[in-house]
Amino acid sequence: MMRLLLFGTFLALVGLMLHIRYVRATRLRRPSSIAVDIVLVVMWLLALIGIGSGELFDPSWARGPAWVGLSWLAVVLYLILGTALLGLITL
C-alpha cells in the first residue's frame, strides 16, 4: 500500500509537469485545457490501477484498466525523454 501511495504521488507530480509543459506553456483555451486535464487525471488513475494490479487489486477486473494505464506510463516515458532531448538541443 505504501508503494502505491508513493508511486501515486510521483505520478501526480509528473502529471503536474505535463500540465505545465503541454497545457500552460501552449496557452490552450478553456474547453481544450479542461479536456486535457480530465484525460491526465483519468490516465493517472488507470496507471495506479496498473501498478496495484495483482497486489492490491484483483486482476480479474483490473486487467483492462491496468493495460491502458501501463501503456500510458510508456507514453509518458517517451514524452519526458523527448522533452529532455529537445531541452538539451536548445541549450
N, C-alpha and C. Protein backbone atom coordinates (compact mmCIF):
# COMPACT_ATOMS: atom_id res chain seq x y z
N MET A 1 0.82 -1.19 0.00
CA MET A 1 0.00 0.00 0.00
C MET A 1 0.87 1.26 0.00
N MET A 2 1.96 1.22 0.76
CA MET A 2 2.85 2.37 0.82
C MET A 2 3.50 2.64 -0.53
N ARG A 3 3.85 1.56 -1.23
CA ARG A 3 4.46 1.72 -2.55
C ARG A 3 3.50 2.39 -3.51
N LEU A 4 2.22 2.02 -3.43
CA LEU A 4 1.20 2.62 -4.29
C LEU A 4 1.02 4.10 -3.97
N LEU A 5 1.05 4.45 -2.70
CA LEU A 5 0.92 5.86 -2.30
C LEU A 5 2.11 6.69 -2.79
N LEU A 6 3.31 6.15 -2.64
CA LEU A 6 4.50 6.87 -3.10
C LEU A 6 4.51 7.01 -4.61
N PHE A 7 4.17 5.93 -5.31
CA PHE A 7 4.15 5.99 -6.76
C PHE A 7 3.03 6.91 -7.24
N GLY A 8 1.90 6.92 -6.55
CA GLY A 8 0.80 7.82 -6.90
C GLY A 8 1.20 9.28 -6.75
N THR A 9 1.94 9.58 -5.70
CA THR A 9 2.43 10.94 -5.50
C THR A 9 3.40 11.33 -6.60
N PHE A 10 4.30 10.41 -6.94
CA PHE A 10 5.26 10.67 -8.01
C PHE A 10 4.53 10.89 -9.34
N LEU A 11 3.53 10.06 -9.63
CA LEU A 11 2.77 10.22 -10.87
C LEU A 11 1.98 11.51 -10.88
N ALA A 12 1.49 11.95 -9.73
CA ALA A 12 0.78 13.22 -9.66
C ALA A 12 1.72 14.38 -10.00
N LEU A 13 2.96 14.30 -9.52
CA LEU A 13 3.94 15.33 -9.86
C LEU A 13 4.30 15.30 -11.34
N VAL A 14 4.39 14.11 -11.91
CA VAL A 14 4.65 14.00 -13.35
C VAL A 14 3.47 14.56 -14.13
N GLY A 15 2.25 14.28 -13.68
CA GLY A 15 1.06 14.84 -14.33
C GLY A 15 1.02 16.36 -14.25
N LEU A 16 1.44 16.89 -13.12
CA LEU A 16 1.53 18.35 -12.99
C LEU A 16 2.55 18.92 -13.95
N MET A 17 3.69 18.23 -14.09
CA MET A 17 4.70 18.68 -15.04
C MET A 17 4.17 18.64 -16.47
N LEU A 18 3.42 17.59 -16.81
CA LEU A 18 2.83 17.52 -18.14
C LEU A 18 1.81 18.63 -18.35
N HIS A 19 1.03 18.93 -17.32
CA HIS A 19 0.06 20.02 -17.42
C HIS A 19 0.75 21.35 -17.66
N ILE A 20 1.80 21.61 -16.89
CA ILE A 20 2.51 22.88 -17.04
C ILE A 20 3.18 22.96 -18.41
N ARG A 21 3.77 21.86 -18.83
CA ARG A 21 4.53 21.87 -20.08
C ARG A 21 3.65 21.90 -21.33
N TYR A 22 2.55 21.14 -21.33
CA TYR A 22 1.76 20.99 -22.55
C TYR A 22 0.43 21.72 -22.54
N VAL A 23 -0.03 22.22 -21.38
CA VAL A 23 -1.28 22.98 -21.34
C VAL A 23 -0.99 24.44 -21.08
N ARG A 24 -0.26 24.73 -20.02
CA ARG A 24 0.03 26.12 -19.68
C ARG A 24 0.97 26.78 -20.68
N ALA A 25 2.03 26.08 -21.06
CA ALA A 25 3.03 26.67 -21.95
C ALA A 25 2.47 26.93 -23.33
N THR A 26 1.52 26.12 -23.78
CA THR A 26 0.92 26.33 -25.10
C THR A 26 -0.30 27.23 -25.04
N ARG A 27 -0.72 27.63 -23.85
CA ARG A 27 -1.86 28.53 -23.63
C ARG A 27 -3.13 28.02 -24.31
N LEU A 28 -3.45 26.77 -24.00
CA LEU A 28 -4.68 26.20 -24.53
C LEU A 28 -5.89 26.96 -23.99
N ARG A 29 -6.90 27.08 -24.82
CA ARG A 29 -8.13 27.75 -24.40
C ARG A 29 -8.89 26.89 -23.41
N ARG A 30 -9.94 27.43 -22.82
CA ARG A 30 -10.64 26.81 -21.71
C ARG A 30 -11.23 25.43 -22.00
N PRO A 31 -12.03 25.20 -23.01
CA PRO A 31 -12.60 23.85 -23.14
C PRO A 31 -11.53 22.79 -23.42
N SER A 32 -10.54 23.14 -24.20
CA SER A 32 -9.48 22.18 -24.52
C SER A 32 -8.62 21.87 -23.31
N SER A 33 -8.32 22.87 -22.51
CA SER A 33 -7.47 22.64 -21.34
C SER A 33 -8.19 21.78 -20.30
N ILE A 34 -9.48 21.95 -20.16
CA ILE A 34 -10.23 21.11 -19.23
C ILE A 34 -10.26 19.67 -19.72
N ALA A 35 -10.43 19.47 -21.02
CA ALA A 35 -10.43 18.11 -21.58
C ALA A 35 -9.08 17.43 -21.37
N VAL A 36 -8.00 18.16 -21.58
CA VAL A 36 -6.67 17.58 -21.38
C VAL A 36 -6.45 17.24 -19.91
N ASP A 37 -6.89 18.11 -19.01
CA ASP A 37 -6.74 17.83 -17.59
C ASP A 37 -7.54 16.61 -17.16
N ILE A 38 -8.74 16.44 -17.70
CA ILE A 38 -9.55 15.26 -17.40
C ILE A 38 -8.84 14.00 -17.88
N VAL A 39 -8.27 14.05 -19.07
CA VAL A 39 -7.53 12.89 -19.60
C VAL A 39 -6.32 12.58 -18.71
N LEU A 40 -5.60 13.60 -18.27
CA LEU A 40 -4.44 13.38 -17.40
C LEU A 40 -4.84 12.73 -16.08
N VAL A 41 -5.95 13.18 -15.50
CA VAL A 41 -6.39 12.61 -14.22
C VAL A 41 -6.87 11.16 -14.40
N VAL A 42 -7.62 10.90 -15.47
CA VAL A 42 -8.10 9.53 -15.72
C VAL A 42 -6.93 8.59 -15.98
N MET A 43 -5.96 9.03 -16.75
CA MET A 43 -4.80 8.19 -17.02
C MET A 43 -3.95 7.98 -15.77
N TRP A 44 -3.91 8.98 -14.89
CA TRP A 44 -3.22 8.82 -13.62
C TRP A 44 -3.89 7.72 -12.79
N LEU A 45 -5.20 7.75 -12.75
CA LEU A 45 -5.94 6.73 -12.01
C LEU A 45 -5.74 5.34 -12.62
N LEU A 46 -5.77 5.24 -13.94
CA LEU A 46 -5.56 3.94 -14.59
C LEU A 46 -4.13 3.43 -14.38
N ALA A 47 -3.16 4.34 -14.33
CA ALA A 47 -1.78 3.92 -14.06
C ALA A 47 -1.66 3.39 -12.63
N LEU A 48 -2.36 4.00 -11.69
CA LEU A 48 -2.35 3.48 -10.32
C LEU A 48 -2.98 2.10 -10.23
N ILE A 49 -4.05 1.90 -10.99
CA ILE A 49 -4.67 0.57 -11.03
C ILE A 49 -3.69 -0.43 -11.64
N GLY A 50 -2.95 -0.01 -12.64
CA GLY A 50 -1.97 -0.89 -13.27
C GLY A 50 -0.85 -1.28 -12.34
N ILE A 51 -0.38 -0.33 -11.54
CA ILE A 51 0.70 -0.62 -10.61
C ILE A 51 0.21 -1.51 -9.47
N GLY A 52 -1.02 -1.29 -9.01
CA GLY A 52 -1.55 -2.07 -7.91
C GLY A 52 -2.20 -3.38 -8.31
N SER A 53 -2.30 -3.64 -9.61
CA SER A 53 -2.94 -4.87 -10.08
C SER A 53 -2.14 -6.09 -9.66
N GLY A 54 -2.83 -7.05 -9.08
CA GLY A 54 -2.18 -8.27 -8.63
C GLY A 54 -1.83 -8.24 -7.15
N GLU A 55 -1.47 -7.07 -6.63
CA GLU A 55 -1.16 -6.94 -5.21
C GLU A 55 -2.37 -6.44 -4.42
N LEU A 56 -2.85 -5.27 -4.83
CA LEU A 56 -3.96 -4.65 -4.11
C LEU A 56 -5.30 -4.84 -4.80
N PHE A 57 -5.26 -4.97 -6.12
CA PHE A 57 -6.49 -5.09 -6.90
C PHE A 57 -6.55 -6.46 -7.55
N ASP A 58 -7.75 -7.01 -7.62
CA ASP A 58 -7.97 -8.31 -8.23
C ASP A 58 -7.73 -8.23 -9.74
N PRO A 59 -6.85 -9.06 -10.29
CA PRO A 59 -6.56 -8.99 -11.72
C PRO A 59 -7.75 -9.30 -12.63
N SER A 60 -8.77 -9.95 -12.11
CA SER A 60 -9.91 -10.30 -12.97
C SER A 60 -10.60 -9.06 -13.52
N TRP A 61 -10.72 -8.01 -12.72
CA TRP A 61 -11.34 -6.79 -13.23
C TRP A 61 -10.31 -5.72 -13.58
N ALA A 62 -9.10 -5.82 -13.05
CA ALA A 62 -8.11 -4.76 -13.24
C ALA A 62 -7.23 -4.96 -14.46
N ARG A 63 -7.40 -6.06 -15.17
CA ARG A 63 -6.51 -6.34 -16.31
C ARG A 63 -6.65 -5.29 -17.42
N GLY A 64 -7.87 -4.95 -17.80
CA GLY A 64 -8.10 -3.96 -18.86
C GLY A 64 -7.62 -2.57 -18.50
N PRO A 65 -8.09 -2.04 -17.35
CA PRO A 65 -7.59 -0.72 -16.96
C PRO A 65 -6.07 -0.70 -16.71
N ALA A 66 -5.52 -1.80 -16.24
CA ALA A 66 -4.08 -1.86 -16.00
C ALA A 66 -3.32 -1.77 -17.31
N TRP A 67 -3.82 -2.42 -18.35
CA TRP A 67 -3.15 -2.37 -19.64
C TRP A 67 -3.13 -0.94 -20.18
N VAL A 68 -4.26 -0.25 -20.08
CA VAL A 68 -4.33 1.14 -20.55
C VAL A 68 -3.42 2.03 -19.72
N GLY A 69 -3.44 1.85 -18.40
CA GLY A 69 -2.61 2.68 -17.52
C GLY A 69 -1.13 2.47 -17.72
N LEU A 70 -0.71 1.23 -17.87
CA LEU A 70 0.71 0.96 -18.07
C LEU A 70 1.17 1.38 -19.46
N SER A 71 0.28 1.31 -20.45
CA SER A 71 0.61 1.85 -21.77
C SER A 71 0.78 3.36 -21.69
N TRP A 72 -0.05 4.01 -20.88
CA TRP A 72 0.08 5.45 -20.68
C TRP A 72 1.43 5.78 -20.03
N LEU A 73 1.88 4.95 -19.11
CA LEU A 73 3.18 5.19 -18.49
C LEU A 73 4.31 5.11 -19.52
N ALA A 74 4.18 4.21 -20.48
CA ALA A 74 5.18 4.13 -21.55
C ALA A 74 5.16 5.39 -22.40
N VAL A 75 3.97 5.90 -22.70
CA VAL A 75 3.85 7.14 -23.47
C VAL A 75 4.48 8.30 -22.70
N VAL A 76 4.22 8.37 -21.41
CA VAL A 76 4.78 9.45 -20.58
C VAL A 76 6.30 9.36 -20.56
N LEU A 77 6.84 8.15 -20.49
CA LEU A 77 8.29 7.99 -20.52
C LEU A 77 8.87 8.62 -21.78
N TYR A 78 8.27 8.34 -22.92
CA TYR A 78 8.80 8.89 -24.17
C TYR A 78 8.53 10.38 -24.30
N LEU A 79 7.43 10.88 -23.72
CA LEU A 79 7.21 12.33 -23.70
C LEU A 79 8.28 13.04 -22.89
N ILE A 80 8.62 12.47 -21.74
CA ILE A 80 9.64 13.09 -20.90
C ILE A 80 11.01 13.01 -21.56
N LEU A 81 11.32 11.85 -22.15
CA LEU A 81 12.62 11.73 -22.84
C LEU A 81 12.71 12.69 -24.02
N GLY A 82 11.63 12.82 -24.78
CA GLY A 82 11.62 13.75 -25.92
C GLY A 82 11.75 15.19 -25.47
N THR A 83 11.06 15.55 -24.40
CA THR A 83 11.15 16.90 -23.88
C THR A 83 12.55 17.20 -23.37
N ALA A 84 13.15 16.24 -22.69
CA ALA A 84 14.52 16.44 -22.20
C ALA A 84 15.50 16.55 -23.36
N LEU A 85 15.33 15.75 -24.39
CA LEU A 85 16.20 15.82 -25.55
C LEU A 85 16.09 17.18 -26.25
N LEU A 86 14.86 17.66 -26.42
CA LEU A 86 14.68 18.97 -27.02
C LEU A 86 15.27 20.07 -26.16
N GLY A 87 15.17 19.93 -24.85
CA GLY A 87 15.78 20.90 -23.95
C GLY A 87 17.30 20.92 -24.07
N LEU A 88 17.89 19.75 -24.21
CA LEU A 88 19.35 19.68 -24.38
C LEU A 88 19.80 20.26 -25.72
N ILE A 89 19.01 20.02 -26.76
CA ILE A 89 19.36 20.52 -28.09
C ILE A 89 19.30 22.03 -28.13
N THR A 90 18.33 22.62 -27.44
CA THR A 90 18.16 24.08 -27.49
C THR A 90 19.11 24.83 -26.57
N LEU A 91 19.91 24.12 -25.77
CA LEU A 91 20.86 24.84 -24.91
C LEU A 91 21.92 25.44 -25.73
